[in-house]
Amino acid sequence: MVEIKTFHAFVLSLPETEEKPHFEVTSFTLKKKVFATLNAPQNRATLRFSPEMQDIFSALSKGAIFPVPNKWGHYGWTHINLETAEWELCQDALRTAWWEVAPKAVRAKYPSINVNEE
């Protein structure tokens, strides 16, 4: 289980991340691009992935990470059930979502964020 306050603190620890309201949830942006949202009442986060990363995280998560069940899911938007997700995988997912929206200049400043490159 991932606590809401733990998720919130970790996502804000990612460089240059800003928190903003997004309809009835909280969004987290990098250079004005949303890469995650947090729906605390539903114990759910939503991350922006490439379709390839969505497939990888969905396969690794044992059902805790899954595509948004509508057209947004086809574009890589992915839910995380914070009640069943493993914290380490959630951290990797957040870093990946952050990395995927980061411009090249930001990536160059923070290369250690990329967990998908060995």
PDB file of N, CA and C in Angstrom:
ATOM      1  N   MET A   1       0.846  -1.190   0.000  1.00  0.00           N
ATOM      2  CA  MET A   1       0.000   0.000   0.000  1.00  0.00           C
ATOM      3  C   MET A   1       0.885   1.244   0.000  1.00  0.00           C
ATOM      4  N   VAL A   2       0.494   2.212  -0.791  1.00  0.00           N
ATOM      5  CA  VAL A   2       1.209   3.482  -0.866  1.00  0.00           C
ATOM      6  C   VAL A   2       0.337   4.544  -0.191  1.00  0.00           C
ATOM      7  N   GLU A   3       0.863   5.167   0.828  1.00  0.00           N
ATOM      8  CA  GLU A   3       0.136   6.230   1.523  1.00  0.00           C
ATOM      9  C   GLU A   3       0.066   7.474   0.637  1.00  0.00           C
ATOM     10  N   ILE A   4      -1.048   8.165   0.685  1.00  0.00           N
ATOM     11  CA  ILE A   4      -1.247   9.384  -0.099  1.00  0.00           C
ATOM     12  C   ILE A   4      -0.137  10.395   0.204  1.00  0.00           C
ATOM     13  N   LYS A   5       0.167  10.614   1.469  1.00  0.00           N
ATOM     14  CA  LYS A   5       1.180  11.606   1.826  1.00  0.00           C
ATOM     15  C   LYS A   5       2.571  11.194   1.326  1.00  0.00           C
ATOM     16  N   THR A   6       2.852   9.901   1.286  1.00  0.00           N
ATOM     17  CA  THR A   6       4.143   9.414   0.775  1.00  0.00           C
ATOM     18  C   THR A   6       4.232   9.648  -0.729  1.00  0.00           C
ATOM     19  N   PHE A   7       3.156   9.305  -1.448  1.00  0.00           N
ATOM     20  CA  PHE A   7       3.106   9.542  -2.886  1.00  0.00           C
ATOM     21  C   PHE A   7       3.303  11.025  -3.173  1.00  0.00           C
ATOM     22  N   HIS A   8       2.537  11.846  -2.479  1.00  0.00           N
ATOM     23  CA  HIS A   8       2.562  13.290  -2.679  1.00  0.00           C
ATOM     24  C   HIS A   8       3.966  13.853  -2.453  1.00  0.00           C
ATOM     25  N   ALA A   9       4.598  13.473  -1.361  1.00  0.00           N
ATOM     26  CA  ALA A   9       5.937  13.976  -1.049  1.00  0.00           C
ATOM     27  C   ALA A   9       6.953  13.512  -2.092  1.00  0.00           C
ATOM     28  N   PHE A  10       6.845  12.267  -2.525  1.00  0.00           N
ATOM     29  CA  PHE A  10       7.814  11.756  -3.500  1.00  0.00           C
ATOM     30  C   PHE A  10       7.679  12.466  -4.843  1.00  0.00           C
ATOM     31  N   VAL A  11       6.453  12.612  -5.316  1.00  0.00           N
ATOM     32  CA  VAL A  11       6.276  13.249  -6.625  1.00  0.00           C
ATOM     33  C   VAL A  11       6.777  14.691  -6.590  1.00  0.00           C
ATOM     34  N   LEU A  12       6.577  15.385  -5.481  1.00  0.00           N
ATOM     35  CA  LEU A  12       7.084  16.759  -5.392  1.00  0.00           C
ATOM     36  C   LEU A  12       8.596  16.814  -5.223  1.00  0.00           C
ATOM     37  N   SER A  13       9.219  15.701  -4.870  1.00  0.00           N
ATOM     38  CA  SER A  13      10.678  15.669  -4.759  1.00  0.00           C
ATOM     39  C   SER A  13      11.355  15.551  -6.130  1.00  0.00           C
ATOM     40  N   LEU A  14      10.586  15.208  -7.152  1.00  0.00           N
ATOM     41  CA  LEU A  14      11.157  15.144  -8.501  1.00  0.00           C
ATOM     42  C   LEU A  14      11.462  16.562  -8.971  1.00  0.00           C
ATOM     43  N   PRO A  15      12.621  16.766  -9.572  1.00  0.00           N
ATOM     44  CA  PRO A  15      13.060  18.127  -9.927  1.00  0.00           C
ATOM     45  C   PRO A  15      12.052  18.899 -10.782  1.00  0.00           C
ATOM     46  N   GLU A  16      11.902  20.161 -10.427  1.00  0.00           N
ATOM     47  CA  GLU A  16      11.109  21.121 -11.194  1.00  0.00           C
ATOM     48  C   GLU A  16       9.625  20.776 -11.301  1.00  0.00           C
ATOM     49  N   THR A  17       9.158  19.900 -10.434  1.00  0.00           N
ATOM     50  CA  THR A  17       7.748  19.505 -10.433  1.00  0.00           C
ATOM     51  C   THR A  17       6.913  20.567  -9.725  1.00  0.00           C
ATOM     52  N   GLU A  18       5.769  20.862 -10.309  1.00  0.00           N
ATOM     53  CA  GLU A  18       4.824  21.799  -9.709  1.00  0.00           C
ATOM     54  C   GLU A  18       3.498  21.098  -9.483  1.00  0.00           C
ATOM     55  N   GLU A  19       2.837  21.472  -8.405  1.00  0.00           N
ATOM     56  CA  GLU A  19       1.524  20.940  -8.077  1.00  0.00           C
ATOM     57  C   GLU A  19       0.466  21.965  -8.466  1.00  0.00           C
ATOM     58  N   LYS A  20      -0.590  21.489  -9.132  1.00  0.00           N
ATOM     59  CA  LYS A  20      -1.667  22.377  -9.570  1.00  0.00           C
ATOM     60  C   LYS A  20      -2.995  21.653  -9.478  1.00  0.00           C
ATOM     61  N   PRO A  21      -4.081  22.396  -9.266  1.00  0.00           N
ATOM     62  CA  PRO A  21      -5.397  21.745  -9.314  1.00  0.00           C
ATOM     63  C   PRO A  21      -5.715  21.337 -10.752  1.00  0.00           C
ATOM     64  N   HIS A  22      -6.410  20.235 -10.879  1.00  0.00           N
ATOM     65  CA  HIS A  22      -6.794  19.716 -12.201  1.00  0.00           C
ATOM     66  C   HIS A  22      -8.187  19.114 -12.051  1.00  0.00           C
ATOM     67  N   PHE A  23      -9.199  19.888 -12.381  1.00  0.00           N
ATOM     68  CA  PHE A  23     -10.585  19.506 -12.146  1.00  0.00           C
ATOM     69  C   PHE A  23     -10.740  19.168 -10.666  1.00  0.00           C
ATOM     70  N   GLU A  24     -11.184  17.963 -10.323  1.00  0.00           N
ATOM     71  CA  GLU A  24     -11.397  17.628  -8.915  1.00  0.00           C
ATOM     72  C   GLU A  24     -10.208  16.897  -8.285  1.00  0.00           C
ATOM     73  N   VAL A  25      -9.076  16.798  -8.996  1.00  0.00           N
ATOM     74  CA  VAL A  25      -7.889  16.111  -8.481  1.00  0.00           C
ATOM     75  C   VAL A  25      -6.696  17.063  -8.481  1.00  0.00           C
ATOM     76  N   THR A  26      -5.576  16.573  -7.994  1.00  0.00           N
ATOM     77  CA  THR A  26      -4.330  17.335  -7.984  1.00  0.00           C
ATOM     78  C   THR A  26      -3.462  16.850  -9.135  1.00  0.00           C
ATOM     79  N   SER A  27      -2.879  17.779  -9.882  1.00  0.00           N
ATOM     80  CA  SER A  27      -1.967  17.384 -10.952  1.00  0.00           C
ATOM     81  C   SER A  27      -0.552  17.782 -10.597  1.00  0.00           C
ATOM     82  N   PHE A  28       0.378  17.094 -11.221  1.00  0.00           N
ATOM     83  CA  PHE A  28       1.802  17.379 -11.064  1.00  0.00           C
ATOM     84  C   PHE A  28       2.365  17.584 -12.457  1.00  0.00           C
ATOM     85  N   THR A  29       3.031  18.721 -12.635  1.00  0.00           N
ATOM     86  CA  THR A  29       3.502  19.102 -13.959  1.00  0.00           C
ATOM     87  C   THR A  29       5.005  19.329 -13.976  1.00  0.00           C
ATOM     88  N   LEU A  30       5.555  19.201 -15.155  1.00  0.00           N
ATOM     89  CA  LEU A  30       6.938  19.547 -15.433  1.00  0.00           C
ATOM     90  C   LEU A  30       6.914  20.392 -16.695  1.00  0.00           C
ATOM     91  N   LYS A  31       7.352  21.634 -16.579  1.00  0.00           N
ATOM     92  CA  LYS A  31       7.331  22.560 -17.721  1.00  0.00           C
ATOM     93  C   LYS A  31       5.941  22.629 -18.355  1.00  0.00           C
ATOM     94  N   LYS A  32       4.925  22.724 -17.506  1.00  0.00           N
ATOM     95  CA  LYS A  32       3.527  22.864 -17.900  1.00  0.00           C
ATOM     96  C   LYS A  32       2.912  21.617 -18.534  1.00  0.00           C
ATOM     97  N   LYS A  33       3.603  20.482 -18.462  1.00  0.00           N
ATOM     98  CA  LYS A  33       3.064  19.228 -18.977  1.00  0.00           C
ATOM     99  C   LYS A  33       2.686  18.332 -17.798  1.00  0.00           C
ATOM    100  N   VAL A  34       1.443  17.900 -17.763  1.00  0.00           N
ATOM    101  CA  VAL A  34       0.984  17.006 -16.703  1.00  0.00           C
ATOM    102  C   VAL A  34       1.602  15.623 -16.922  1.00  0.00           C
ATOM    103  N   PHE A  35       2.216  15.087 -15.873  1.00  0.00           N
ATOM    104  CA  PHE A  35       2.732  13.721 -15.950  1.00  0.00           C
ATOM    105  C   PHE A  35       2.091  12.819 -14.904  1.00  0.00           C
ATOM    106  N   ALA A  36       1.372  13.396 -13.944  1.00  0.00           N
ATOM    107  CA  ALA A  36       0.697  12.591 -12.932  1.00  0.00           C
ATOM    108  C   ALA A  36      -0.456  13.380 -12.323  1.00  0.00           C
ATOM    109  N   THR A  37      -1.463  12.646 -11.896  1.00  0.00           N
ATOM    110  CA  THR A  37      -2.527  13.228 -11.097  1.00  0.00           C
ATOM    111  C   THR A  37      -2.734  12.338  -9.882  1.00  0.00           C
ATOM    112  N   LEU A  38      -3.305  12.936  -8.841  1.00  0.00           N
ATOM    113  CA  LEU A  38      -3.582  12.205  -7.608  1.00  0.00           C
ATOM    114  C   LEU A  38      -5.036  12.426  -7.225  1.00  0.00           C
ATOM    115  N   ASN A  39      -5.769  11.334  -7.145  1.00  0.00           N
ATOM    116  CA  ASN A  39      -7.150  11.357  -6.709  1.00  0.00           C
ATOM    117  C   ASN A  39      -7.180  10.710  -5.321  1.00  0.00           C
ATOM    118  N   ALA A  40      -6.950  11.516  -4.303  1.00  0.00           N
ATOM    119  CA  ALA A  40      -6.837  11.010  -2.931  1.00  0.00           C
ATOM    120  C   ALA A  40      -8.106  10.298  -2.453  1.00  0.00           C
ATOM    121  N   PRO A  41      -9.316  10.832  -2.697  1.00  0.00           N
ATOM    122  CA  PRO A  41     -10.510  10.125  -2.216  1.00  0.00           C
ATOM    123  C   PRO A  41     -10.642   8.705  -2.774  1.00  0.00           C
ATOM    124  N   GLN A  42     -10.140   8.478  -3.978  1.00  0.00           N
ATOM    125  CA  GLN A  42     -10.238   7.152  -4.590  1.00  0.00           C
ATOM    126  C   GLN A  42      -8.956   6.332  -4.424  1.00  0.00           C
ATOM    127  N   ASN A  43      -7.969   6.872  -3.692  1.00  0.00           N
ATOM    128  CA  ASN A  43      -6.690   6.178  -3.498  1.00  0.00           C
ATOM    129  C   ASN A  43      -6.086   5.750  -4.834  1.00  0.00           C
ATOM    130  N   ARG A  44      -6.077   6.701  -5.776  1.00  0.00           N
ATOM    131  CA  ARG A  44      -5.622   6.374  -7.119  1.00  0.00           C
ATOM    132  C   ARG A  44      -4.787   7.512  -7.694  1.00  0.00           C
ATOM    133  N   ALA A  45      -3.737   7.124  -8.384  1.00  0.00           N
ATOM    134  CA  ALA A  45      -2.939   8.075  -9.157  1.00  0.00           C
ATOM    135  C   ALA A  45      -3.102   7.713 -10.630  1.00  0.00           C
ATOM    136  N   THR A  46      -2.863   8.683 -11.481  1.00  0.00           N
ATOM    137  CA  THR A  46      -2.878   8.446 -12.918  1.00  0.00           C
ATOM    138  C   THR A  46      -1.601   9.045 -13.487  1.00  0.00           C
ATOM    139  N   LEU A  47      -0.892   8.247 -14.290  1.00  0.00           N
ATOM    140  CA  LEU A  47       0.387   8.678 -14.852  1.00  0.00           C
ATOM    141  C   LEU A  47       0.322   8.682 -16.372  1.00  0.00           C
ATOM    142  N   ARG A  48       1.161   9.518 -16.949  1.00  0.00           N
ATOM    143  CA  ARG A  48       1.261   9.609 -18.409  1.00  0.00           C
ATOM    144  C   ARG A  48       2.483   8.809 -18.848  1.00  0.00           C
ATOM    145  N   PHE A  49       2.247   7.757 -19.605  1.00  0.00           N
ATOM    146  CA  PHE A  49       3.307   6.906 -20.142  1.00  0.00           C
ATOM    147  C   PHE A  49       3.216   6.839 -21.656  1.00  0.00           C
ATOM    148  N   SER A  50       4.291   6.407 -22.271  1.00  0.00           N
ATOM    149  CA  SER A  50       4.194   5.956 -23.655  1.00  0.00           C
ATOM    150  C   SER A  50       3.419   4.634 -23.609  1.00  0.00           C
ATOM    151  N   PRO A  51       2.795   4.237 -24.701  1.00  0.00           N
ATOM    152  CA  PRO A  51       2.100   2.940 -24.688  1.00  0.00           C
ATOM    153  C   PRO A  51       3.036   1.776 -24.314  1.00  0.00           C
ATOM    154  N   GLU A  52       4.297   1.859 -24.703  1.00  0.00           N
ATOM    155  CA  GLU A  52       5.257   0.793 -24.376  1.00  0.00           C
ATOM    156  C   GLU A  52       5.502   0.705 -22.868  1.00  0.00           C
ATOM    157  N   MET A  53       5.681   1.854 -22.231  1.00  0.00           N
ATOM    158  CA  MET A  53       5.908   1.866 -20.778  1.00  0.00           C
ATOM    159  C   MET A  53       4.636   1.451 -20.040  1.00  0.00           C
ATOM    160  N   GLN A  54       3.489   1.832 -20.586  1.00  0.00           N
ATOM    161  CA  GLN A  54       2.219   1.399 -19.991  1.00  0.00           C
ATOM    162  C   GLN A  54       2.151  -0.129 -19.969  1.00  0.00           C
ATOM    163  N   ASP A  55       2.506  -0.766 -21.060  1.00  0.00           N
ATOM    164  CA  ASP A  55       2.493  -2.229 -21.132  1.00  0.00           C
ATOM    165  C   ASP A  55       3.455  -2.844 -20.119  1.00  0.00           C
ATOM    166  N   ILE A  56       4.641  -2.284 -20.010  1.00  0.00           N
ATOM    167  CA  ILE A  56       5.654  -2.822 -19.094  1.00  0.00           C
ATOM    168  C   ILE A  56       5.186  -2.717 -17.650  1.00  0.00           C
ATOM    169  N   PHE A  57       4.757  -1.522 -17.233  1.00  0.00           N
ATOM    170  CA  PHE A  57       4.339  -1.347 -15.841  1.00  0.00           C
ATOM    171  C   PHE A  57       3.074  -2.148 -15.528  1.00  0.00           C
ATOM    172  N   SER A  58       2.164  -2.248 -16.472  1.00  0.00           N
ATOM    173  CA  SER A  58       0.955  -3.051 -16.249  1.00  0.00           C
ATOM    174  C   SER A  58       1.318  -4.519 -16.035  1.00  0.00           C
ATOM    175  N   ALA A  59       2.275  -5.016 -16.806  1.00  0.00           N
ATOM    176  CA  ALA A  59       2.694  -6.419 -16.680  1.00  0.00           C
ATOM    177  C   ALA A  59       3.415  -6.685 -15.359  1.00  0.00           C
ATOM    178  N   LEU A  60       4.190  -5.725 -14.890  1.00  0.00           N
ATOM    179  CA  LEU A  60       4.979  -5.910 -13.666  1.00  0.00           C
ATOM    180  C   LEU A  60       4.171  -5.763 -12.378  1.00  0.00           C
ATOM    181  N   SER A  61       3.027  -5.126 -12.435  1.00  0.00           N
ATOM    182  CA  SER A  61       2.353  -4.674 -11.222  1.00  0.00           C
ATOM    183  C   SER A  61       1.362  -5.643 -10.593  1.00  0.00           C
ATOM    184  N   LYS A  62       1.088  -6.754 -11.200  1.00  0.00           N
ATOM    185  CA  LYS A  62       0.119  -7.722 -10.662  1.00  0.00           C
ATOM    186  C   LYS A  62      -1.260  -7.090 -10.481  1.00  0.00           C
ATOM    187  N   GLY A  63      -1.651  -6.244 -11.444  1.00  0.00           N
ATOM    188  CA  GLY A  63      -2.983  -5.648 -11.438  1.00  0.00           C
ATOM    189  C   GLY A  63      -3.112  -4.292 -10.767  1.00  0.00           C
ATOM    190  N   ALA A  64      -2.076  -3.813 -10.102  1.00  0.00           N
ATOM    191  CA  ALA A  64      -2.156  -2.525  -9.416  1.00  0.00           C
ATOM    192  C   ALA A  64      -1.994  -1.343 -10.371  1.00  0.00           C
ATOM    193  N   ILE A  65      -1.381  -1.574 -11.522  1.00  0.00           N
ATOM    194  CA  ILE A  65      -1.178  -0.532 -12.534  1.00  0.00           C
ATOM    195  C   ILE A  65      -1.861  -1.017 -13.807  1.00  0.00           C
ATOM    196  N   PHE A  66      -2.734  -0.167 -14.373  1.00  0.00           N
ATOM    197  CA  PHE A  66      -3.519  -0.608 -15.520  1.00  0.00           C
ATOM    198  C   PHE A  66      -3.955   0.599 -16.350  1.00  0.00           C
ATOM    199  N   PRO A  67      -4.169   0.400 -17.652  1.00  0.00           N
ATOM    200  CA  PRO A  67      -4.581   1.505 -18.522  1.00  0.00           C
ATOM    201  C   PRO A  67      -5.905   2.117 -18.073  1.00  0.00           C
ATOM    202  N   VAL A  68      -6.027   3.424 -18.228  1.00  0.00           N
ATOM    203  CA  VAL A  68      -7.308   4.085 -17.990  1.00  0.00           C
ATOM    204  C   VAL A  68      -8.319   3.431 -18.941  1.00  0.00           C
ATOM    205  N   PRO A  69      -9.475   3.011 -18.430  1.00  0.00           N
ATOM    206  CA  PRO A  69     -10.415   2.245 -19.258  1.00  0.00           C
ATOM    207  C   PRO A  69     -11.274   3.095 -20.194  1.00  0.00           C
ATOM    208  N   ASN A  70     -10.639   3.919 -21.004  1.00  0.00           N
ATOM    209  CA  ASN A  70     -11.346   4.684 -22.030  1.00  0.00           C
ATOM    210  C   ASN A  70     -10.311   5.107 -23.074  1.00  0.00           C
ATOM    211  N   LYS A  71     -10.668   6.015 -23.919  1.00  0.00           N
ATOM    212  CA  LYS A  71      -9.748   6.417 -24.992  1.00  0.00           C
ATOM    213  C   LYS A  71      -8.425   6.969 -24.452  1.00  0.00           C
ATOM    214  N   TRP A  72      -8.442   7.617 -23.272  1.00  0.00           N
ATOM    215  CA  TRP A  72      -7.209   8.142 -22.691  1.00  0.00           C
ATOM    216  C   TRP A  72      -6.209   7.019 -22.436  1.00  0.00           C
ATOM    217  N   GLY A  73      -6.689   5.854 -22.091  1.00  0.00           N
ATOM    218  CA  GLY A  73      -5.806   4.715 -21.872  1.00  0.00           C
ATOM    219  C   GLY A  73      -5.041   4.319 -23.120  1.00  0.00           C
ATOM    220  N   HIS A  74      -5.638   4.515 -24.285  1.00  0.00           N
ATOM    221  CA  HIS A  74      -4.959   4.203 -25.546  1.00  0.00           C
ATOM    222  C   HIS A  74      -3.796   5.151 -25.818  1.00  0.00           C
ATOM    223  N   TYR A  75      -3.824   6.313 -25.175  1.00  0.00           N
ATOM    224  CA  TYR A  75      -2.749   7.289 -25.335  1.00  0.00           C
ATOM    225  C   TYR A  75      -1.678   7.153 -24.258  1.00  0.00           C
ATOM    226  N   GLY A  76      -1.791   6.134 -23.419  1.00  0.00           N
ATOM    227  CA  GLY A  76      -0.775   5.883 -22.408  1.00  0.00           C
ATOM    228  C   GLY A  76      -1.138   6.285 -20.993  1.00  0.00           C
ATOM    229  N   TRP A  77      -2.285   6.938 -20.797  1.00  0.00           N
ATOM    230  CA  TRP A  77      -2.677   7.320 -19.438  1.00  0.00           C
ATOM    231  C   TRP A  77      -3.008   6.062 -18.652  1.00  0.00           C
ATOM    232  N   THR A  78      -2.444   5.981 -17.458  1.00  0.00           N
ATOM    233  CA  THR A  78      -2.412   4.729 -16.709  1.00  0.00           C
ATOM    234  C   THR A  78      -2.736   4.970 -15.240  1.00  0.00           C
ATOM    235  N   HIS A  79      -3.659   4.183 -14.695  1.00  0.00           N
ATOM    236  CA  HIS A  79      -4.011   4.280 -13.276  1.00  0.00           C
ATOM    237  C   HIS A  79      -3.064   3.442 -12.416  1.00  0.00           C
ATOM    238  N   ILE A  80      -2.871   3.915 -11.182  1.00  0.00           N
ATOM    239  CA  ILE A  80      -2.196   3.123 -10.149  1.00  0.00           C
ATOM    240  C   ILE A  80      -3.153   3.055  -8.959  1.00  0.00           C
ATOM    241  N   ASN A  81      -3.508   1.843  -8.574  1.00  0.00           N
ATOM    242  CA  ASN A  81      -4.314   1.635  -7.375  1.00  0.00           C
ATOM    243  C   ASN A  81      -3.346   1.697  -6.193  1.00  0.00           C
ATOM    244  N   LEU A  82      -3.387   2.775  -5.439  1.00  0.00           N
ATOM    245  CA  LEU A  82      -2.418   2.977  -4.358  1.00  0.00           C
ATOM    246  C   LEU A  82      -2.647   2.030  -3.182  1.00  0.00           C
ATOM    247  N   GLU A  83      -3.801   1.405  -3.106  1.00  0.00           N
ATOM    248  CA  GLU A  83      -4.063   0.441  -2.041  1.00  0.00           C
ATOM    249  C   GLU A  83      -3.322  -0.876  -2.274  1.00  0.00           C
ATOM    250  N   THR A  84      -3.055  -1.207  -3.540  1.00  0.00           N
ATOM    251  CA  THR A  84      -2.430  -2.495  -3.846  1.00  0.00           C
ATOM    252  C   THR A  84      -1.043  -2.372  -4.479  1.00  0.00           C
ATOM    253  N   ALA A  85      -0.643  -1.178  -4.851  1.00  0.00           N
ATOM    254  CA  ALA A  85       0.651  -0.994  -5.521  1.00  0.00           C
ATOM    255  C   ALA A  85       1.818  -1.173  -4.555  1.00  0.00           C
ATOM    256  N   GLU A  86       2.914  -1.696  -5.086  1.00  0.00           N
ATOM    257  CA  GLU A  86       4.158  -1.783  -4.326  1.00  0.00           C
ATOM    258  C   GLU A  86       4.885  -0.446  -4.447  1.00  0.00           C
ATOM    259  N   TRP A  87       5.416   0.061  -3.344  1.00  0.00           N
ATOM    260  CA  TRP A  87       6.019   1.380  -3.299  1.00  0.00           C
ATOM    261  C   TRP A  87       7.194   1.512  -4.256  1.00  0.00           C
ATOM    262  N   GLU A  88       8.065   0.524  -4.336  1.00  0.00           N
ATOM    263  CA  GLU A  88       9.242   0.623  -5.214  1.00  0.00           C
ATOM    264  C   GLU A  88       8.821   0.739  -6.677  1.00  0.00           C
ATOM    265  N   LEU A  89       7.829  -0.047  -7.080  1.00  0.00           N
ATOM    266  CA  LEU A  89       7.354   0.030  -8.460  1.00  0.00           C
ATOM    267  C   LEU A  89       6.662   1.365  -8.724  1.00  0.00           C
ATOM    268  N   CYS A  90       5.958   1.874  -7.741  1.00  0.00           N
ATOM    269  CA  CYS A  90       5.304   3.181  -7.857  1.00  0.00           C
ATOM    270  C   CYS A  90       6.354   4.281  -8.055  1.00  0.00           C
ATOM    271  N   GLN A  91       7.442   4.222  -7.307  1.00  0.00           N
ATOM    272  CA  GLN A  91       8.520   5.202  -7.466  1.00  0.00           C
ATOM    273  C   GLN A  91       9.097   5.141  -8.878  1.00  0.00           C
ATOM    274  N   ASP A  92       9.366   3.927  -9.361  1.00  0.00           N
ATOM    275  CA  ASP A  92       9.891   3.780 -10.724  1.00  0.00           C
ATOM    276  C   ASP A  92       8.901   4.317 -11.754  1.00  0.00           C
ATOM    277  N   ALA A  93       7.617   4.067 -11.533  1.00  0.00           N
ATOM    278  CA  ALA A  93       6.593   4.556 -12.460  1.00  0.00           C
ATOM    279  C   ALA A  93       6.553   6.080 -12.474  1.00  0.00           C
ATOM    280  N   LEU A  94       6.642   6.694 -11.309  1.00  0.00           N
ATOM    281  CA  LEU A  94       6.647   8.164 -11.241  1.00  0.00           C
ATOM    282  C   LEU A  94       7.874   8.741 -11.929  1.00  0.00           C
ATOM    283  N   ARG A  95       9.033   8.168 -11.679  1.00  0.00           N
ATOM    284  CA  ARG A  95      10.246   8.655 -12.348  1.00  0.00           C
ATOM    285  C   ARG A  95      10.124   8.519 -13.854  1.00  0.00           C
ATOM    286  N   THR A  96       9.555   7.410 -14.309  1.00  0.00           N
ATOM    287  CA  THR A  96       9.393   7.178 -15.749  1.00  0.00           C
ATOM    288  C   THR A  96       8.437   8.190 -16.356  1.00  0.00           C
ATOM    289  N   ALA A  97       7.315   8.429 -15.717  1.00  0.00           N
ATOM    290  CA  ALA A  97       6.347   9.407 -16.235  1.00  0.00           C
ATOM    291  C   ALA A  97       6.983  10.799 -16.292  1.00  0.00           C
ATOM    292  N   TRP A  98       7.728  11.163 -15.245  1.00  0.00           N
ATOM    293  CA  TRP A  98       8.426  12.455 -15.219  1.00  0.00           C
ATOM    294  C   TRP A  98       9.399  12.532 -16.392  1.00  0.00           C
ATOM    295  N   TRP A  99      10.205  11.480 -16.575  1.00  0.00           N
ATOM    296  CA  TRP A  99      11.224  11.438 -17.621  1.00  0.00           C
ATOM    297  C   TRP A  99      10.608  11.569 -19.002  1.00  0.00           C
ATOM    298  N   GLU A 100       9.473  10.917 -19.203  1.00  0.00           N
ATOM    299  CA  GLU A 100       8.861  10.908 -20.531  1.00  0.00           C
ATOM    300  C   GLU A 100       8.312  12.269 -20.959  1.00  0.00           C
ATOM    301  N   VAL A 101       7.970  13.140 -20.006  1.00  0.00           N
ATOM    302  CA  VAL A 101       7.513  14.482 -20.396  1.00  0.00           C
ATOM    303  C   VAL A 101       8.633  15.517 -20.342  1.00  0.00           C
ATOM    304  N   ALA A 102       9.770  15.149 -19.764  1.00  0.00           N
ATOM    305  CA  ALA A 102      10.868  16.112 -19.597  1.00  0.00           C
ATOM    306  C   ALA A 102      11.499  16.490 -20.940  1.00  0.00           C
ATOM    307  N   PRO A 103      11.686  17.783 -21.174  1.00  0.00           N
ATOM    308  CA  PRO A 103      12.424  18.217 -22.363  1.00  0.00           C
ATOM    309  C   PRO A 103      13.884  17.770 -22.272  1.00  0.00           C
ATOM    310  N   LYS A 104      14.562  17.722 -23.393  1.00  0.00           N
ATOM    311  CA  LYS A 104      15.960  17.262 -23.434  1.00  0.00           C
ATOM    312  C   LYS A 104      16.857  18.033 -22.476  1.00  0.00           C
ATOM    313  N   ALA A 105      16.659  19.321 -22.383  1.00  0.00           N
ATOM    314  CA  ALA A 105      17.509  20.140 -21.509  1.00  0.00           C
ATOM    315  C   ALA A 105      17.329  19.753 -20.039  1.00  0.00           C
ATOM    316  N   VAL A 106      16.105  19.433 -19.651  1.00  0.00           N
ATOM    317  CA  VAL A 106      15.840  19.019 -18.270  1.00  0.00           C
ATOM    318  C   VAL A 106      16.404  17.624 -18.037  1.00  0.00           C
ATOM    319  N   ARG A 107      16.233  16.736 -18.995  1.00  0.00           N
ATOM    320  CA  ARG A 107      16.812  15.389 -18.874  1.00  0.00           C
ATOM    321  C   ARG A 107      18.321  15.464 -18.685  1.00  0.00           C
ATOM    322  N   ALA A 108      18.954  16.354 -19.420  1.00  0.00           N
ATOM    323  CA  ALA A 108      20.421  16.491 -19.323  1.00  0.00           C
ATOM    324  C   ALA A 108      20.852  16.956 -17.935  1.00  0.00           C
ATOM    325  N   LYS A 109      20.018  17.756 -17.266  1.00  0.00           N
ATOM    326  CA  LYS A 109      20.350  18.237 -15.919  1.00  0.00           C
ATOM    327  C   LYS A 109      20.169  17.166 -14.855  1.00  0.00           C
ATOM    328  N   TYR A 110      19.282  16.200 -15.112  1.00  0.00           N
ATOM    329  CA  TYR A 110      18.933  15.193 -14.093  1.00  0.00           C
ATOM    330  C   TYR A 110      18.964  13.776 -14.676  1.00  0.00           C
ATOM    331  N   PRO A 111      20.112  13.313 -15.162  1.00  0.00           N
ATOM    332  CA  PRO A 111      20.150  11.990 -15.813  1.00  0.00           C
ATOM    333  C   PRO A 111      19.850  10.832 -14.859  1.00  0.00           C
ATOM    334  N   SER A 112      20.023  11.020 -13.560  1.00  0.00           N
ATOM    335  CA  SER A 112      19.796   9.915 -12.624  1.00  0.00           C
ATOM    336  C   SER A 112      18.319   9.575 -12.460  1.00  0.00           C
ATOM    337  N   ILE A 113      17.424  10.422 -12.942  1.00  0.00           N
ATOM    338  CA  ILE A 113      15.981  10.149 -12.839  1.00  0.00           C
ATOM    339  C   ILE A 113      15.577   8.982 -13.739  1.00  0.00           C
ATOM    340  N   ASN A 114      16.262   8.803 -14.858  1.00  0.00           N
ATOM    341  CA  ASN A 114      15.884   7.769 -15.832  1.00  0.00           C
ATOM    342  C   ASN A 114      16.174   6.381 -15.288  1.00  0.00           C
ATOM    343  N   VAL A 115      15.134   5.662 -14.858  1.00  0.00           N
ATOM    344  CA  VAL A 115      15.299   4.321 -14.304  1.00  0.00           C
ATOM    345  C   VAL A 115      15.283   3.243 -15.373  1.00  0.00           C
ATOM    346  N   ASN A 116      14.974   3.610 -16.599  1.00  0.00           N
ATOM    347  CA  ASN A 116      14.831   2.617 -17.669  1.00  0.00           C
ATOM    348  C   ASN A 116      16.086   2.448 -18.519  1.00  0.00           C
ATOM    349  N   GLU A 117      17.136   3.087 -18.121  1.00  0.00           N
ATOM    350  CA  GLU A 117      18.387   2.993 -18.882  1.00  0.00           C
ATOM    351  C   GLU A 117      19.471   2.436 -17.973  1.00  0.00           C
ATOM    352  N   GLU A 118      20.066   1.380 -18.396  1.00  0.00           N
ATOM    353  CA  GLU A 118      21.114   0.742 -17.577  1.00  0.00           C
ATOM    354  C   GLU A 118      22.466   1.305 -17.918  1.00  0.00           C
TER     355      GLU A 118
END
